[in-house]
PDB file of all heavy atoms in Angstrom:
ATOM      1  N   GLY A   1     -20.913  14.600   5.084  1.00  0.00           N
ATOM      2  CA  GLY A   1     -22.239  14.078   5.372  1.00  0.00           C
ATOM      3  C   GLY A   1     -22.387  12.591   5.180  1.00  0.00           C
ATOM      4  O   GLY A   1     -23.522  12.076   5.225  1.00  0.00           O
ATOM      5  N   THR A   2     -21.294  11.854   4.965  1.00  0.00           N
ATOM      6  CA  THR A   2     -21.409  10.398   4.822  1.00  0.00           C
ATOM      7  C   THR A   2     -21.760   9.767   6.165  1.00  0.00           C
ATOM      8  O   THR A   2     -21.500  10.325   7.227  1.00  0.00           O
ATOM      9  CB  THR A   2     -20.095   9.780   4.310  1.00  0.00           C
ATOM     10  OG1 THR A   2     -19.064   9.946   5.299  1.00  0.00           O
ATOM     11  CG2 THR A   2     -19.670  10.401   2.995  1.00  0.00           C
ATOM     12  N   LYS A   3     -22.332   8.585   6.098  1.00  0.00           N
ATOM     13  CA  LYS A   3     -22.575   7.784   7.294  1.00  0.00           C
ATOM     14  C   LYS A   3     -21.449   6.774   7.490  1.00  0.00           C
ATOM     15  O   LYS A   3     -21.003   6.533   8.608  1.00  0.00           O
ATOM     16  CB  LYS A   3     -23.920   7.045   7.185  1.00  0.00           C
ATOM     17  CG  LYS A   3     -25.112   7.969   6.941  1.00  0.00           C
ATOM     18  CD  LYS A   3     -25.287   8.992   8.048  1.00  0.00           C
ATOM     19  CE  LYS A   3     -26.535   9.847   7.817  1.00  0.00           C
ATOM     20  NZ  LYS A   3     -26.670  10.908   8.845  1.00  0.00           N
ATOM     21  N   LYS A   4     -21.008   6.188   6.384  1.00  0.00           N
ATOM     22  CA  LYS A   4     -19.883   5.268   6.451  1.00  0.00           C
ATOM     23  C   LYS A   4     -18.600   6.051   6.710  1.00  0.00           C
ATOM     24  O   LYS A   4     -18.528   7.253   6.428  1.00  0.00           O
ATOM     25  CB  LYS A   4     -19.761   4.487   5.142  1.00  0.00           C
ATOM     26  CG  LYS A   4     -20.970   3.618   4.828  1.00  0.00           C
ATOM     27  CD  LYS A   4     -20.857   2.971   3.457  1.00  0.00           C
ATOM     28  CE  LYS A   4     -22.112   2.173   3.129  1.00  0.00           C
ATOM     29  NZ  LYS A   4     -22.043   1.570   1.762  1.00  0.00           N
ATOM     30  N   THR A   5     -17.612   5.376   7.257  1.00  0.00           N
ATOM     31  CA  THR A   5     -16.329   6.034   7.494  1.00  0.00           C
ATOM     32  C   THR A   5     -15.344   5.604   6.415  1.00  0.00           C
ATOM     33  O   THR A   5     -15.330   4.443   5.992  1.00  0.00           O
ATOM     34  CB  THR A   5     -15.765   5.692   8.883  1.00  0.00           C
ATOM     35  OG1 THR A   5     -15.549   4.283   8.989  1.00  0.00           O
ATOM     36  CG2 THR A   5     -16.711   6.137   9.975  1.00  0.00           C
ATOM     37  N   TYR A   6     -14.490   6.550   5.989  1.00  0.00           N
ATOM     38  CA  TYR A   6     -13.534   6.310   4.906  1.00  0.00           C
ATOM     39  C   TYR A   6     -12.125   6.669   5.369  1.00  0.00           C
ATOM     40  O   TYR A   6     -11.916   7.644   6.086  1.00  0.00           O
ATOM     41  CB  TYR A   6     -13.915   7.127   3.676  1.00  0.00           C
ATOM     42  CG  TYR A   6     -15.257   6.746   3.109  1.00  0.00           C
ATOM     43  CD1 TYR A   6     -16.419   7.419   3.505  1.00  0.00           C
ATOM     44  CD2 TYR A   6     -15.378   5.695   2.196  1.00  0.00           C
ATOM     45  CE1 TYR A   6     -17.663   7.060   3.006  1.00  0.00           C
ATOM     46  CE2 TYR A   6     -16.623   5.329   1.695  1.00  0.00           C
ATOM     47  CZ  TYR A   6     -17.757   6.011   2.101  1.00  0.00           C
ATOM     48  OH  TYR A   6     -18.986   5.643   1.608  1.00  0.00           O
ATOM     49  N   GLY A   7     -11.178   5.887   4.939  1.00  0.00           N
ATOM     50  CA  GLY A   7      -9.798   6.098   5.341  1.00  0.00           C
ATOM     51  C   GLY A   7      -9.102   7.134   4.488  1.00  0.00           C
ATOM     52  O   GLY A   7      -9.329   7.230   3.276  1.00  0.00           O
ATOM     53  N   THR A   8      -8.221   7.907   5.134  1.00  0.00           N
ATOM     54  CA  THR A   8      -7.410   8.892   4.419  1.00  0.00           C
ATOM     55  C   THR A   8      -5.942   8.801   4.796  1.00  0.00           C
ATOM     56  O   THR A   8      -5.106   9.451   4.178  1.00  0.00           O
ATOM     57  CB  THR A   8      -7.881  10.327   4.722  1.00  0.00           C
ATOM     58  OG1 THR A   8      -7.800  10.565   6.131  1.00  0.00           O
ATOM     59  CG2 THR A   8      -9.306  10.549   4.243  1.00  0.00           C
ATOM     60  N   ARG A   9      -5.613   8.012   5.810  1.00  0.00           N
ATOM     61  CA  ARG A   9      -4.222   7.893   6.220  1.00  0.00           C
ATOM     62  C   ARG A   9      -4.031   6.600   6.998  1.00  0.00           C
ATOM     63  O   ARG A   9      -4.986   5.970   7.432  1.00  0.00           O
ATOM     64  CB  ARG A   9      -3.798   9.098   7.059  1.00  0.00           C
ATOM     65  CG  ARG A   9      -4.522   9.249   8.358  1.00  0.00           C
ATOM     66  CD  ARG A   9      -4.273  10.607   8.991  1.00  0.00           C
ATOM     67  NE  ARG A   9      -2.874  10.962   8.996  1.00  0.00           N
ATOM     68  CZ  ARG A   9      -2.425  12.213   8.898  1.00  0.00           C
ATOM     69  NH1 ARG A   9      -3.276  13.216   8.782  1.00  0.00           N
ATOM     70  NH2 ARG A   9      -1.147  12.480   8.935  1.00  0.00           N
ATOM     71  N   GLY A  10      -2.785   6.232   7.181  1.00  0.00           N
ATOM     72  CA  GLY A  10      -2.475   4.975   7.861  1.00  0.00           C
ATOM     73  C   GLY A  10      -1.590   4.143   6.955  1.00  0.00           C
ATOM     74  O   GLY A  10      -0.627   4.647   6.374  1.00  0.00           O
ATOM     75  N   ASN A  11      -1.906   2.859   6.824  1.00  0.00           N
ATOM     76  CA  ASN A  11      -1.151   1.990   5.925  1.00  0.00           C
ATOM     77  C   ASN A  11      -1.171   2.583   4.514  1.00  0.00           C
ATOM     78  O   ASN A  11      -2.147   2.470   3.796  1.00  0.00           O
ATOM     79  CB  ASN A  11      -1.789   0.595   5.867  1.00  0.00           C
ATOM     80  CG  ASN A  11      -1.268  -0.335   6.938  1.00  0.00           C
ATOM     81  OD1 ASN A  11      -0.847   0.118   7.985  1.00  0.00           O
ATOM     82  ND2 ASN A  11      -1.301  -1.628   6.675  1.00  0.00           N
ATOM     83  N   SER A  12      -0.098   3.219   4.120  1.00  0.00           N
ATOM     84  CA  SER A  12      -0.054   3.809   2.785  1.00  0.00           C
ATOM     85  C   SER A  12       0.783   2.957   1.839  1.00  0.00           C
ATOM     86  O   SER A  12       0.541   2.928   0.633  1.00  0.00           O
ATOM     87  CB  SER A  12       0.516   5.227   2.850  1.00  0.00           C
ATOM     88  OG  SER A  12       1.776   5.222   3.494  1.00  0.00           O
ATOM     89  N   PHE A  13       1.782   2.283   2.383  1.00  0.00           N
ATOM     90  CA  PHE A  13       2.644   1.359   1.633  1.00  0.00           C
ATOM     91  C   PHE A  13       3.048   0.269   2.608  1.00  0.00           C
ATOM     92  O   PHE A  13       3.424   0.559   3.744  1.00  0.00           O
ATOM     93  CB  PHE A  13       3.876   2.096   1.103  1.00  0.00           C
ATOM     94  CG  PHE A  13       4.925   1.197   0.481  1.00  0.00           C
ATOM     95  CD1 PHE A  13       4.665   0.519  -0.702  1.00  0.00           C
ATOM     96  CD2 PHE A  13       6.175   1.040   1.067  1.00  0.00           C
ATOM     97  CE1 PHE A  13       5.633  -0.302  -1.278  1.00  0.00           C
ATOM     98  CE2 PHE A  13       7.147   0.238   0.496  1.00  0.00           C
ATOM     99  CZ  PHE A  13       6.872  -0.434  -0.683  1.00  0.00           C
ATOM    100  N   VAL A  14       2.924  -0.975   2.187  1.00  0.00           N
ATOM    101  CA  VAL A  14       3.318  -2.106   3.026  1.00  0.00           C
ATOM    102  C   VAL A  14       4.191  -3.021   2.183  1.00  0.00           C
ATOM    103  O   VAL A  14       3.826  -3.375   1.063  1.00  0.00           O
ATOM    104  CB  VAL A  14       2.097  -2.900   3.532  1.00  0.00           C
ATOM    105  CG1 VAL A  14       2.544  -3.991   4.511  1.00  0.00           C
ATOM    106  CG2 VAL A  14       1.073  -1.983   4.190  1.00  0.00           C
ATOM    107  N   ALA A  15       5.347  -3.391   2.724  1.00  0.00           N
ATOM    108  CA  ALA A  15       6.221  -4.334   2.032  1.00  0.00           C
ATOM    109  C   ALA A  15       6.869  -5.266   3.044  1.00  0.00           C
ATOM    110  O   ALA A  15       7.217  -4.844   4.158  1.00  0.00           O
ATOM    111  CB  ALA A  15       7.300  -3.600   1.235  1.00  0.00           C
ATOM    112  N   VAL A  16       7.009  -6.516   2.669  1.00  0.00           N
ATOM    113  CA  VAL A  16       7.807  -7.470   3.435  1.00  0.00           C
ATOM    114  C   VAL A  16       8.935  -7.930   2.514  1.00  0.00           C
ATOM    115  O   VAL A  16       8.720  -8.207   1.336  1.00  0.00           O
ATOM    116  CB  VAL A  16       6.973  -8.659   3.939  1.00  0.00           C
ATOM    117  CG1 VAL A  16       6.025  -8.217   5.039  1.00  0.00           C
ATOM    118  CG2 VAL A  16       6.184  -9.318   2.808  1.00  0.00           C
ATOM    119  N   VAL A  17      10.153  -7.974   3.063  1.00  0.00           N
ATOM    120  CA  VAL A  17      11.349  -8.210   2.242  1.00  0.00           C
ATOM    121  C   VAL A  17      12.204  -9.289   2.875  1.00  0.00           C
ATOM    122  O   VAL A  17      12.387  -9.313   4.098  1.00  0.00           O
ATOM    123  CB  VAL A  17      12.187  -6.915   2.108  1.00  0.00           C
ATOM    124  CG1 VAL A  17      13.266  -7.084   1.042  1.00  0.00           C
ATOM    125  CG2 VAL A  17      11.306  -5.710   1.789  1.00  0.00           C
ATOM    126  N   GLU A  18      12.741 -10.181   2.033  1.00  0.00           N
ATOM    127  CA  GLU A  18      13.666 -11.222   2.491  1.00  0.00           C
ATOM    128  C   GLU A  18      15.008 -11.045   1.782  1.00  0.00           C
ATOM    129  O   GLU A  18      15.064 -10.935   0.553  1.00  0.00           O
ATOM    130  CB  GLU A  18      13.109 -12.618   2.188  1.00  0.00           C
ATOM    131  CG  GLU A  18      14.056 -13.733   2.616  1.00  0.00           C
ATOM    132  CD  GLU A  18      13.532 -15.126   2.291  1.00  0.00           C
ATOM    133  OE1 GLU A  18      12.370 -15.233   1.857  1.00  0.00           O
ATOM    134  OE2 GLU A  18      14.285 -16.104   2.459  1.00  0.00           O
ATOM    135  N   PHE A  19      16.084 -11.025   2.573  1.00  0.00           N
ATOM    136  CA  PHE A  19      17.421 -10.810   2.034  1.00  0.00           C
ATOM    137  C   PHE A  19      18.200 -12.118   2.005  1.00  0.00           C
ATOM    138  O   PHE A  19      18.887 -12.477   2.961  1.00  0.00           O
ATOM    139  CB  PHE A  19      18.160  -9.755   2.866  1.00  0.00           C
ATOM    140  CG  PHE A  19      17.494  -8.415   2.845  1.00  0.00           C
ATOM    141  CD1 PHE A  19      16.670  -8.016   3.890  1.00  0.00           C
ATOM    142  CD2 PHE A  19      17.658  -7.563   1.764  1.00  0.00           C
ATOM    143  CE1 PHE A  19      16.034  -6.790   3.868  1.00  0.00           C
ATOM    144  CE2 PHE A  19      17.025  -6.334   1.725  1.00  0.00           C
ATOM    145  CZ  PHE A  19      16.214  -5.945   2.778  1.00  0.00           C
ATOM    146  N   GLY A  20      18.062 -12.854   0.902  1.00  0.00           N
ATOM    147  CA  GLY A  20      18.796 -14.094   0.708  1.00  0.00           C
ATOM    148  C   GLY A  20      19.802 -13.944  -0.419  1.00  0.00           C
ATOM    149  O   GLY A  20      20.327 -12.854  -0.659  1.00  0.00           O
ATOM    150  N   GLU A  21      20.076 -15.032  -1.122  1.00  0.00           N
ATOM    151  CA  GLU A  21      20.967 -14.939  -2.287  1.00  0.00           C
ATOM    152  C   GLU A  21      20.399 -13.961  -3.302  1.00  0.00           C
ATOM    153  O   GLU A  21      21.141 -13.264  -3.997  1.00  0.00           O
ATOM    154  CB  GLU A  21      21.144 -16.319  -2.919  1.00  0.00           C
ATOM    155  CG  GLU A  21      21.976 -17.278  -2.070  1.00  0.00           C
ATOM    156  CD  GLU A  21      22.241 -18.588  -2.788  1.00  0.00           C
ATOM    157  OE1 GLU A  21      21.991 -18.658  -4.016  1.00  0.00           O
ATOM    158  OE2 GLU A  21      22.700 -19.531  -2.129  1.00  0.00           O
ATOM    159  N   LYS A  22      19.073 -13.939  -3.388  1.00  0.00           N
ATOM    160  CA  LYS A  22      18.376 -12.912  -4.163  1.00  0.00           C
ATOM    161  C   LYS A  22      17.331 -12.283  -3.251  1.00  0.00           C
ATOM    162  O   LYS A  22      16.752 -12.963  -2.402  1.00  0.00           O
ATOM    163  CB  LYS A  22      17.698 -13.517  -5.403  1.00  0.00           C
ATOM    164  CG  LYS A  22      18.668 -14.143  -6.394  1.00  0.00           C
ATOM    165  CD  LYS A  22      17.936 -14.706  -7.606  1.00  0.00           C
ATOM    166  CE  LYS A  22      17.435 -13.612  -8.515  1.00  0.00           C
ATOM    167  NZ  LYS A  22      16.838 -14.136  -9.775  1.00  0.00           N
ATOM    168  N   VAL A  23      17.119 -11.002  -3.398  1.00  0.00           N
ATOM    169  CA  VAL A  23      16.121 -10.334  -2.581  1.00  0.00           C
ATOM    170  C   VAL A  23      14.732 -10.694  -3.096  1.00  0.00           C
ATOM    171  O   VAL A  23      14.500 -10.785  -4.304  1.00  0.00           O
ATOM    172  CB  VAL A  23      16.341  -8.805  -2.583  1.00  0.00           C
ATOM    173  CG1 VAL A  23      16.094  -8.196  -3.959  1.00  0.00           C
ATOM    174  CG2 VAL A  23      15.473  -8.131  -1.532  1.00  0.00           C
ATOM    175  N   ARG A  24      13.814 -10.958  -2.164  1.00  0.00           N
ATOM    176  CA  ARG A  24      12.419 -11.251  -2.491  1.00  0.00           C
ATOM    177  C   ARG A  24      11.537 -10.287  -1.708  1.00  0.00           C
ATOM    178  O   ARG A  24      11.838  -9.960  -0.552  1.00  0.00           O
ATOM    179  CB  ARG A  24      12.043 -12.689  -2.127  1.00  0.00           C
ATOM    180  CG  ARG A  24      12.754 -13.766  -2.906  1.00  0.00           C
ATOM    181  CD  ARG A  24      12.363 -15.154  -2.380  1.00  0.00           C
ATOM    182  NE  ARG A  24      10.926 -15.369  -2.408  1.00  0.00           N
ATOM    183  CZ  ARG A  24      10.197 -15.741  -1.350  1.00  0.00           C
ATOM    184  NH1 ARG A  24      10.761 -15.912  -0.167  1.00  0.00           N
ATOM    185  NH2 ARG A  24       8.890 -15.925  -1.463  1.00  0.00           N
ATOM    186  N   ALA A  25      10.436  -9.866  -2.325  1.00  0.00           N
ATOM    187  CA  ALA A  25       9.568  -8.917  -1.630  1.00  0.00           C
ATOM    188  C   ALA A  25       8.139  -9.021  -2.138  1.00  0.00           C
ATOM    189  O   ALA A  25       7.877  -9.429  -3.276  1.00  0.00           O
ATOM    190  CB  ALA A  25      10.079  -7.492  -1.810  1.00  0.00           C
ATOM    191  N   LYS A  26       7.218  -8.644  -1.264  1.00  0.00           N
ATOM    192  CA  LYS A  26       5.810  -8.469  -1.605  1.00  0.00           C
ATOM    193  C   LYS A  26       5.381  -7.111  -1.068  1.00  0.00           C
ATOM    194  O   LYS A  26       5.898  -6.643  -0.046  1.00  0.00           O
ATOM    195  CB  LYS A  26       4.952  -9.576  -0.987  1.00  0.00           C
ATOM    196  CG  LYS A  26       5.256 -10.972  -1.517  1.00  0.00           C
ATOM    197  CD  LYS A  26       4.319 -12.010  -0.899  1.00  0.00           C
ATOM    198  CE  LYS A  26       4.584 -13.390  -1.475  1.00  0.00           C
ATOM    199  NZ  LYS A  26       3.648 -14.416  -0.920  1.00  0.00           N
ATOM    200  N   ALA A  27       4.417  -6.484  -1.748  1.00  0.00           N
ATOM    201  CA  ALA A  27       4.047  -5.124  -1.338  1.00  0.00           C
ATOM    202  C   ALA A  27       2.637  -4.784  -1.801  1.00  0.00           C
ATOM    203  O   ALA A  27       2.033  -5.484  -2.615  1.00  0.00           O
ATOM    204  CB  ALA A  27       5.036  -4.115  -1.913  1.00  0.00           C
ATOM    205  N   VAL A  28       2.126  -3.684  -1.271  1.00  0.00           N
ATOM    206  CA  VAL A  28       0.879  -3.093  -1.759  1.00  0.00           C
ATOM    207  C   VAL A  28       0.918  -1.604  -1.444  1.00  0.00           C
ATOM    208  O   VAL A  28       1.519  -1.183  -0.458  1.00  0.00           O
ATOM    209  CB  VAL A  28      -0.368  -3.754  -1.118  1.00  0.00           C
ATOM    210  CG1 VAL A  28      -0.523  -3.362   0.349  1.00  0.00           C
ATOM    211  CG2 VAL A  28      -1.632  -3.435  -1.899  1.00  0.00           C
ATOM    212  N   THR A  29       0.294  -0.818  -2.312  1.00  0.00           N
ATOM    213  CA  THR A  29       0.178   0.630  -2.138  1.00  0.00           C
ATOM    214  C   THR A  29      -1.298   0.993  -2.087  1.00  0.00           C
ATOM    215  O   THR A  29      -2.110   0.425  -2.826  1.00  0.00           O
ATOM    216  CB  THR A  29       0.861   1.373  -3.300  1.00  0.00           C
ATOM    217  OG1 THR A  29       2.270   1.167  -3.222  1.00  0.00           O
ATOM    218  CG2 THR A  29       0.584   2.865  -3.254  1.00  0.00           C
ATOM    219  N   ALA A  30      -1.655   1.923  -1.231  1.00  0.00           N
ATOM    220  CA  ALA A  30      -3.052   2.354  -1.125  1.00  0.00           C
ATOM    221  C   ALA A  30      -3.556   2.834  -2.481  1.00  0.00           C
ATOM    222  O   ALA A  30      -2.973   3.731  -3.088  1.00  0.00           O
ATOM    223  CB  ALA A  30      -3.189   3.461  -0.087  1.00  0.00           C
ATOM    224  N   GLY A  31      -4.627   2.230  -2.960  1.00  0.00           N
ATOM    225  CA  GLY A  31      -5.268   2.668  -4.203  1.00  0.00           C
ATOM    226  C   GLY A  31      -4.557   2.193  -5.439  1.00  0.00           C
ATOM    227  O   GLY A  31      -4.918   1.201  -6.048  1.00  0.00           O
ATOM    228  N   GLY A  32      -3.512   2.910  -5.821  1.00  0.00           N
ATOM    229  CA  GLY A  32      -2.780   2.585  -7.036  1.00  0.00           C
ATOM    230  C   GLY A  32      -1.667   3.578  -7.270  1.00  0.00           C
ATOM    231  O   GLY A  32      -1.522   4.571  -6.551  1.00  0.00           O
ATOM    232  N   GLN A  33      -0.896   3.336  -8.309  1.00  0.00           N
ATOM    233  CA  GLN A  33       0.304   4.114  -8.574  1.00  0.00           C
ATOM    234  C   GLN A  33       0.018   5.513  -9.113  1.00  0.00           C
ATOM    235  O   GLN A  33       0.722   6.462  -8.805  1.00  0.00           O
ATOM    236  CB  GLN A  33       1.174   3.356  -9.594  1.00  0.00           C
ATOM    237  CG  GLN A  33       2.450   4.045 -10.010  1.00  0.00           C
ATOM    238  CD  GLN A  33       3.493   4.076  -8.905  1.00  0.00           C
ATOM    239  OE1 GLN A  33       3.428   3.311  -7.956  1.00  0.00           O
ATOM    240  NE2 GLN A  33       4.468   4.966  -9.022  1.00  0.00           N
ATOM    241  N   SER A  34      -1.028   5.641  -9.904  1.00  0.00           N
ATOM    242  CA  SER A  34      -1.267   6.890 -10.632  1.00  0.00           C
ATOM    243  C   SER A  34      -2.271   7.788  -9.920  1.00  0.00           C
ATOM    244  O   SER A  34      -3.217   7.317  -9.281  1.00  0.00           O
ATOM    245  CB  SER A  34      -1.781   6.581 -12.042  1.00  0.00           C
ATOM    246  OG  SER A  34      -2.108   7.765 -12.729  1.00  0.00           O
ATOM    247  N   GLY A  35      -2.073   9.090 -10.075  1.00  0.00           N
ATOM    248  CA  GLY A  35      -3.037  10.060  -9.581  1.00  0.00           C
ATOM    249  C   GLY A  35      -4.070  10.459 -10.614  1.00  0.00           C
ATOM    250  O   GLY A  35      -4.930  11.297 -10.346  1.00  0.00           O
ATOM    251  N   ASP A  36      -4.004   9.853 -11.792  1.00  0.00           N
ATOM    252  CA  ASP A  36      -4.921  10.159 -12.892  1.00  0.00           C
ATOM    253  C   ASP A  36      -6.112   9.220 -12.828  1.00  0.00           C
ATOM    254  O   ASP A  36      -5.969   8.006 -12.976  1.00  0.00           O
ATOM    255  CB  ASP A  36      -4.190  10.008 -14.229  1.00  0.00           C
ATOM    256  CG  ASP A  36      -5.083  10.309 -15.424  1.00  0.00           C
ATOM    257  OD1 ASP A  36      -6.267  10.664 -15.229  1.00  0.00           O
ATOM    258  OD2 ASP A  36      -4.586  10.181 -16.565  1.00  0.00           O
ATOM    259  N   VAL A  37      -7.300   9.764 -12.609  1.00  0.00           N
ATOM    260  CA  VAL A  37      -8.491   8.935 -12.455  1.00  0.00           C
ATOM    261  C   VAL A  37      -8.768   8.103 -13.705  1.00  0.00           C
ATOM    262  O   VAL A  37      -9.442   7.063 -13.635  1.00  0.00           O
ATOM    263  CB  VAL A  37      -9.704   9.826 -12.105  1.00  0.00           C
ATOM    264  CG1 VAL A  37     -10.099  10.693 -13.281  1.00  0.00           C
ATOM    265  CG2 VAL A  37     -10.871   8.999 -11.598  1.00  0.00           C
TER     266      VAL A  37
END
């Protein structure tokens, strides 16, 4: 019964990675790591 729309799927994990002398990366996960509210 909401009026606003809410996401449940799609971008769930995003990372960009660079492979140089050392690996570098940035990332984000939907919501957070834990399932404990």
